[in-house]
Amino acid sequence: MKHTALCIAATLALSLTSGVNAQKPVTGAHVMELTKEYLAVAPKRYIGSPGHLAAEHFIHDHFKPEAAKGNYIDDTFTARTPQGFMTMHNLLVKFPSTNPAKRDNVIVLASHYETNYWLKDINFVGANDGACTSALLIALGEYFRDHPPTGDSVWLLFTDGEESITSQWSDSDSLYGTRHIAAKWSGDGTLPHIKAFVLADMIGWKDMNVTRETNSTPWLEDLLAKAAKETGHSNYVFRESMAVDDDHIPFKQRGVPVLDIIDYKYGTSSDPEAFHHTAQDTIDKLSVQSLQVSADLFLGVIKLINEH
């Protein structure tokens, strides 16, 4: 009888848990599966490589319905780098608001999708650094396809050339994609319509705790803290505080409110950056739970930006 009761209780608990997970708009399990698929197709995605092209095709193939509507844009540009001129591609997916009064306001969700050119000769796949956040954006796009925004329009921006071409990161050798598109949108009048630029970077690993990133706009940092509280994830944010040079900087420099959702520390207690930009940045470092937290935080932040 005791064994039977325990089995019934366990089955009921599993059923309830599954029900809760099933109700999530975007599940961590799905983001993990997309990450695995992405890494299988394009494990090494440095600029100019077959994997880089495969990554572009992977992203495009997930947004064929948007492409058919003219809402998928390949922003191709040529960048001057320490290795000469390189062709790069920002990939933009638009989900216009169903509310005409809000349609011109835009929330940009961004993540870089490539791997480091200077790591091309080692087995660097960037599972946490680029792959899982690209997968997160794809999953968010699937959600907005089925549930079009009723507040501000949502644009997904898969950025290219975030990583430096050489091992020496500098202002001129990094952030190629966002430096290009921020300037482009400044020139064509898009920039004033961007209500917030929200960046995802390195937020899939098992010990993830989102950094309070001090280059971000304070009111957006406050909304992230509120979203964490509302989703029950306050213990996953703001244990550490630091400034990070990342894809949000070119937009910040042009006056756009920005938020970098990142856990810069990615390693061990003795070496907090042990896995960053190494062959140890692999799928086994990630967890479904961290990806679930990240998905919940993004949707929570979007909701709060719409209310702001």
Protein backbone atom coordinates (compact mmCIF):
# COMPACT_ATOMS: atom_id res chain seq x y z
CA MET A 1 0.00 0.00 0.00
CA LYS A 2 2.80 2.40 0.94
CA HIS A 3 4.61 1.67 -2.34
CA THR A 4 1.38 2.16 -4.31
CA ALA A 5 0.66 5.46 -2.55
CA LEU A 6 4.16 6.70 -3.24
CA CYS A 7 3.84 5.77 -6.91
CA ILE A 8 0.51 7.59 -7.19
CA ALA A 9 1.97 10.64 -5.46
CA ALA A 10 5.03 10.63 -7.72
CA THR A 11 2.88 10.23 -10.83
CA LEU A 12 0.65 13.10 -9.72
CA ALA A 13 3.65 15.32 -8.99
CA LEU A 14 5.15 14.52 -12.41
CA SER A 15 1.83 15.24 -14.07
CA LEU A 16 1.51 18.59 -12.31
CA THR A 17 5.10 19.53 -13.15
CA SER A 18 4.60 18.52 -16.78
CA GLY A 19 1.44 20.60 -16.88
CA VAL A 20 3.27 23.65 -15.58
CA ASN A 21 6.10 23.19 -18.09
CA ALA A 22 3.61 22.62 -20.91
CA GLN A 23 2.04 26.00 -20.15
CA LYS A 24 5.33 27.85 -20.62
CA PRO A 25 5.20 30.05 -23.74
CA VAL A 26 8.80 29.06 -24.55
CA THR A 27 10.31 26.00 -22.90
CA GLY A 28 13.92 25.50 -21.93
CA ALA A 29 13.72 21.97 -23.31
CA HIS A 30 12.83 23.31 -26.75
CA VAL A 31 15.63 25.89 -26.65
CA MET A 32 18.04 23.11 -25.71
CA GLU A 33 16.87 20.98 -28.62
CA LEU A 34 17.28 23.88 -31.04
CA THR A 35 20.77 24.48 -29.64
CA LYS A 36 21.73 20.87 -30.29
CA GLU A 37 20.35 21.05 -33.84
CA TYR A 38 22.22 24.30 -34.50
CA LEU A 39 25.51 22.88 -33.23
CA ALA A 40 25.04 19.73 -35.30
CA VAL A 41 24.58 21.78 -38.47
CA ALA A 42 27.11 24.54 -37.77
CA PRO A 43 29.52 23.70 -34.94
CA LYS A 44 32.22 26.11 -36.18
CA ARG A 45 30.69 29.32 -37.52
CA TYR A 46 33.60 31.68 -38.05
CA ILE A 47 33.12 34.26 -40.80
CA GLY A 48 33.69 32.93 -44.31
CA SER A 49 33.51 29.26 -43.31
CA PRO A 50 31.04 26.63 -44.56
CA GLY A 51 29.68 26.51 -41.00
CA HIS A 52 28.97 30.24 -41.08
CA LEU A 53 26.90 29.77 -44.24
CA ALA A 54 25.19 26.74 -42.68
CA ALA A 55 24.28 28.83 -39.64
CA GLU A 56 22.68 31.46 -41.88
CA HIS A 57 20.69 28.77 -43.69
CA PHE A 58 19.61 27.23 -40.37
CA ILE A 59 18.26 30.56 -39.14
CA HIS A 60 16.60 31.36 -42.47
CA ASP A 61 14.93 27.94 -42.65
CA HIS A 62 13.25 28.58 -39.29
CA PHE A 63 11.76 31.82 -40.59
CA LYS A 64 10.42 30.91 -44.02
CA PRO A 65 6.92 32.18 -43.16
CA GLU A 66 8.38 35.57 -42.23
CA ALA A 67 10.53 35.59 -45.37
CA ALA A 68 7.40 34.98 -47.47
CA LYS A 69 5.89 38.13 -45.96
CA GLY A 70 9.00 40.20 -46.56
CA ASN A 71 9.78 40.27 -42.83
CA TYR A 72 13.11 38.42 -43.04
CA ILE A 73 16.03 40.60 -44.07
CA ASP A 74 19.64 39.62 -44.78
CA ASP A 75 21.58 42.78 -44.00
CA THR A 76 24.76 42.02 -45.93
CA PHE A 77 27.73 44.34 -45.52
CA THR A 78 31.50 44.40 -45.96
CA ALA A 79 33.70 45.16 -42.95
CA ARG A 80 37.31 46.21 -42.86
CA THR A 81 39.10 43.85 -40.43
CA PRO A 82 42.71 43.06 -39.46
CA GLN A 83 42.42 40.14 -41.89
CA GLY A 84 41.22 42.34 -44.74
CA PHE A 85 37.70 42.98 -46.02
CA MET A 86 35.13 40.41 -44.91
CA THR A 87 31.51 39.92 -45.92
CA MET A 88 29.16 39.67 -42.96
CA HIS A 89 25.42 39.22 -42.53
CA ASN A 90 23.06 40.54 -39.88
CA LEU A 91 19.82 38.56 -40.05
CA LEU A 92 16.67 40.48 -39.09
CA VAL A 93 13.20 39.02 -38.47
CA LYS A 94 10.25 41.38 -37.93
CA PHE A 95 7.06 40.65 -36.01
CA PRO A 96 4.86 43.73 -36.46
CA SER A 97 2.39 44.62 -33.73
CA THR A 98 -1.28 43.94 -34.39
CA ASN A 99 -2.01 47.24 -32.64
CA PRO A 100 -1.73 50.11 -35.18
CA ALA A 101 -1.07 52.59 -32.38
CA LYS A 102 1.97 50.59 -31.19
CA ARG A 103 3.28 49.21 -34.47
CA ASP A 104 5.93 51.89 -35.02
CA ASN A 105 7.49 51.22 -31.60
CA VAL A 106 10.08 48.45 -31.75
CA ILE A 107 11.71 46.19 -29.18
CA VAL A 108 14.85 44.63 -30.68
CA LEU A 109 15.96 41.27 -29.27
CA ALA A 110 19.51 40.43 -30.33
CA SER A 111 22.21 37.77 -30.12
CA HIS A 112 25.34 37.07 -32.16
CA TYR A 113 25.37 33.79 -34.08
CA GLU A 114 28.99 33.37 -35.22
CA THR A 115 32.08 31.94 -33.53
CA ASN A 116 35.49 33.56 -33.21
CA TYR A 117 37.63 33.72 -36.34
CA TRP A 118 40.81 33.51 -34.29
CA LEU A 119 39.62 30.22 -32.74
CA LYS A 120 38.97 28.58 -36.11
CA ASP A 121 41.82 26.09 -35.70
CA ILE A 122 40.57 24.59 -32.44
CA ASN A 123 37.35 22.72 -31.72
CA PHE A 124 35.48 25.79 -30.51
CA VAL A 125 31.70 25.51 -30.98
CA GLY A 126 30.46 28.30 -28.70
CA ALA A 127 27.57 26.35 -27.17
CA ASN A 128 26.98 29.03 -24.54
CA ASP A 129 28.65 31.86 -26.41
CA GLY A 130 26.34 32.35 -29.35
CA ALA A 131 24.61 29.03 -30.03
CA CYS A 132 22.08 28.78 -27.19
CA THR A 133 21.11 32.44 -27.40
CA SER A 134 20.59 32.14 -31.16
CA ALA A 135 18.36 29.16 -30.36
CA LEU A 136 16.54 31.27 -27.76
CA LEU A 137 15.78 33.93 -30.38
CA ILE A 138 14.50 31.28 -32.78
CA ALA A 139 12.19 29.91 -30.08
CA LEU A 140 10.96 33.40 -29.25
CA GLY A 141 10.30 33.93 -32.95
CA GLU A 142 8.21 30.77 -33.08
CA TYR A 143 6.21 32.11 -30.14
CA PHE A 144 5.60 35.51 -31.78
CA ARG A 145 4.61 33.80 -35.03
CA ASP A 146 1.78 32.06 -33.18
CA HIS A 147 1.12 35.00 -30.84
CA PRO A 148 1.78 38.22 -32.79
CA PRO A 149 2.74 41.15 -30.55
CA THR A 150 -0.20 43.21 -29.36
CA GLY A 151 2.05 45.87 -27.84
CA ASP A 152 5.26 47.12 -29.42
CA SER A 153 6.55 45.37 -32.53
CA VAL A 154 9.30 42.82 -31.89
CA TRP A 155 12.33 42.45 -34.12
CA LEU A 156 14.85 39.63 -33.78
CA LEU A 157 18.40 40.55 -34.75
CA PHE A 158 20.95 37.78 -35.26
CA THR A 159 24.16 39.79 -35.33
CA ASP A 160 27.35 38.92 -37.17
CA GLY A 161 30.89 39.94 -36.34
CA GLU A 162 30.33 40.46 -32.63
CA GLU A 163 33.53 38.60 -31.89
CA SER A 164 36.92 40.09 -32.70
CA ILE A 165 38.78 38.74 -35.72
CA THR A 166 42.09 38.66 -33.83
CA SER A 167 42.66 37.55 -30.26
CA GLN A 168 43.04 41.18 -29.19
CA TRP A 169 39.55 42.63 -28.70
CA SER A 170 39.40 46.35 -29.47
CA ASP A 171 36.85 49.01 -30.35
CA SER A 172 37.79 48.68 -34.03
CA ASP A 173 38.04 44.87 -34.04
CA SER A 174 34.69 43.78 -32.58
CA LEU A 175 30.95 44.47 -32.77
CA TYR A 176 31.08 44.76 -36.57
CA GLY A 177 27.44 43.86 -37.11
CA THR A 178 25.90 46.16 -34.55
CA ARG A 179 28.24 49.03 -35.39
CA HIS A 180 27.07 48.70 -38.99
CA ILE A 181 23.34 48.38 -38.37
CA ALA A 182 23.19 51.04 -35.65
CA ALA A 183 24.75 53.50 -38.13
CA LYS A 184 22.42 52.30 -40.89
CA TRP A 185 19.32 52.71 -38.73
CA SER A 186 20.54 56.11 -37.58
CA GLY A 187 20.74 57.21 -41.20
CA ASP A 188 17.41 55.84 -42.41
CA GLY A 189 15.30 57.05 -39.47
CA THR A 190 14.74 53.66 -37.81
CA LEU A 191 16.67 54.39 -34.63
CA PRO A 192 14.13 56.75 -32.97
CA HIS A 193 11.50 54.00 -33.19
CA ILE A 194 13.54 51.55 -31.10
CA LYS A 195 12.08 51.60 -27.62
CA ALA A 196 14.68 49.14 -26.27
CA PHE A 197 17.55 47.00 -27.52
CA VAL A 198 17.72 43.81 -25.44
CA LEU A 199 20.73 41.54 -25.90
CA ALA A 200 21.15 37.85 -24.99
CA ASP A 201 24.67 36.54 -24.41
CA MET A 202 26.05 33.53 -22.54
CA ILE A 203 22.91 32.74 -20.51
CA GLY A 204 22.57 29.00 -20.90
CA TRP A 205 25.16 27.42 -18.63
CA LYS A 206 24.28 25.36 -15.58
CA ASP A 207 25.55 27.87 -13.02
CA MET A 208 24.11 30.89 -14.82
CA ASN A 209 23.53 34.07 -12.84
CA VAL A 210 22.80 37.18 -14.90
CA THR A 211 25.30 39.97 -14.31
CA ARG A 212 24.08 43.44 -13.41
CA GLU A 213 25.65 44.92 -16.52
CA THR A 214 26.44 48.53 -15.77
CA ASN A 215 26.64 49.72 -19.39
CA SER A 216 22.93 48.94 -19.63
CA THR A 217 20.22 51.56 -19.19
CA PRO A 218 19.20 51.73 -15.50
CA TRP A 219 15.43 51.61 -16.04
CA LEU A 220 15.82 48.48 -18.15
CA GLU A 221 18.01 46.90 -15.45
CA ASP A 222 15.19 47.69 -13.02
CA LEU A 223 12.67 46.01 -15.33
CA LEU A 224 14.91 42.94 -15.52
CA ALA A 225 14.97 42.73 -11.72
CA LYS A 226 11.18 43.10 -11.67
CA ALA A 227 10.77 40.43 -14.35
CA ALA A 228 13.00 38.10 -12.33
CA LYS A 229 10.84 38.66 -9.26
CA GLU A 230 7.58 38.17 -11.15
CA THR A 231 8.79 34.92 -12.73
CA GLY A 232 10.27 33.57 -9.51
CA HIS A 233 13.85 33.81 -10.75
CA SER A 234 15.35 36.50 -8.52
CA ASN A 235 18.06 34.09 -7.37
CA TYR A 236 19.29 33.89 -10.98
CA VAL A 237 20.13 37.58 -11.35
CA PHE A 238 22.54 40.25 -10.14
CA ARG A 239 24.88 38.27 -7.91
CA GLU A 240 27.71 40.13 -9.66
CA SER A 241 27.98 43.60 -11.19
CA MET A 242 30.31 44.73 -13.95
CA ALA A 243 30.49 46.64 -17.24
CA VAL A 244 30.72 44.56 -20.42
CA ASP A 245 31.58 45.66 -23.96
CA ASP A 246 28.99 43.85 -26.04
CA ASP A 247 26.63 44.27 -28.97
CA HIS A 248 24.50 46.81 -27.11
CA ILE A 249 27.27 49.41 -27.00
CA PRO A 250 26.83 50.86 -30.54
CA PHE A 251 23.15 51.42 -29.75
CA LYS A 252 23.88 52.93 -26.36
CA GLN A 253 26.30 55.34 -28.02
CA ARG A 254 23.46 56.52 -30.25
CA GLY A 255 21.04 57.09 -27.37
CA VAL A 256 18.95 53.91 -27.57
CA PRO A 257 17.90 52.35 -24.23
CA VAL A 258 19.85 49.07 -23.95
CA LEU A 259 19.90 45.97 -21.78
CA ASP A 260 22.60 43.29 -21.90
CA ILE A 261 21.29 40.07 -20.35
CA ILE A 262 24.58 38.24 -19.87
CA ASP A 263 26.44 36.10 -17.41
CA TYR A 264 30.00 37.07 -18.17
CA LYS A 265 31.47 34.63 -15.67
CA TYR A 266 31.71 31.22 -17.32
CA GLY A 267 34.09 28.83 -15.63
CA THR A 268 35.12 27.45 -12.26
CA SER A 269 35.40 28.99 -8.79
CA SER A 270 39.17 29.20 -9.20
CA ASP A 271 38.98 30.50 -12.80
CA PRO A 272 35.66 32.26 -13.54
CA GLU A 273 36.45 32.47 -17.27
CA ALA A 274 37.83 28.96 -17.72
CA PHE A 275 35.29 27.98 -20.41
CA HIS A 276 35.06 31.33 -22.20
CA HIS A 277 36.55 31.25 -25.72
CA THR A 278 37.91 27.73 -25.26
CA ALA A 279 37.12 24.28 -26.60
CA GLN A 280 35.38 23.65 -23.27
CA ASP A 281 32.39 25.78 -24.29
CA THR A 282 30.32 22.68 -25.09
CA ILE A 283 26.71 21.54 -24.85
CA ASP A 284 27.27 19.65 -21.59
CA LYS A 285 27.85 23.00 -19.84
CA LEU A 286 24.26 24.06 -20.55
CA SER A 287 21.07 23.21 -18.68
CA VAL A 288 17.40 23.19 -19.58
CA GLN A 289 16.69 25.06 -16.33
CA SER A 290 18.98 27.97 -17.19
CA LEU A 291 17.49 28.18 -20.67
CA GLN A 292 14.03 28.19 -19.14
CA VAL A 293 14.98 31.01 -16.81
CA SER A 294 16.40 32.97 -19.74
CA ALA A 295 13.25 32.49 -21.82
CA ASP A 296 11.05 33.54 -18.90
CA LEU A 297 13.18 36.63 -18.27
CA PHE A 298 13.04 37.73 -21.90
CA LEU A 299 9.27 37.38 -22.12
CA GLY A 300 8.91 39.07 -18.75
CA VAL A 301 11.08 42.01 -19.81
CA ILE A 302 9.15 42.39 -23.07
CA LYS A 303 5.87 42.53 -21.14
CA LEU A 304 7.23 45.18 -18.77
CA ILE A 305 8.70 47.28 -21.59
CA ASN A 306 5.26 47.32 -23.19
CA GLU A 307 3.83 48.58 -19.91
CA HIS A 308 6.55 51.20 -19.41
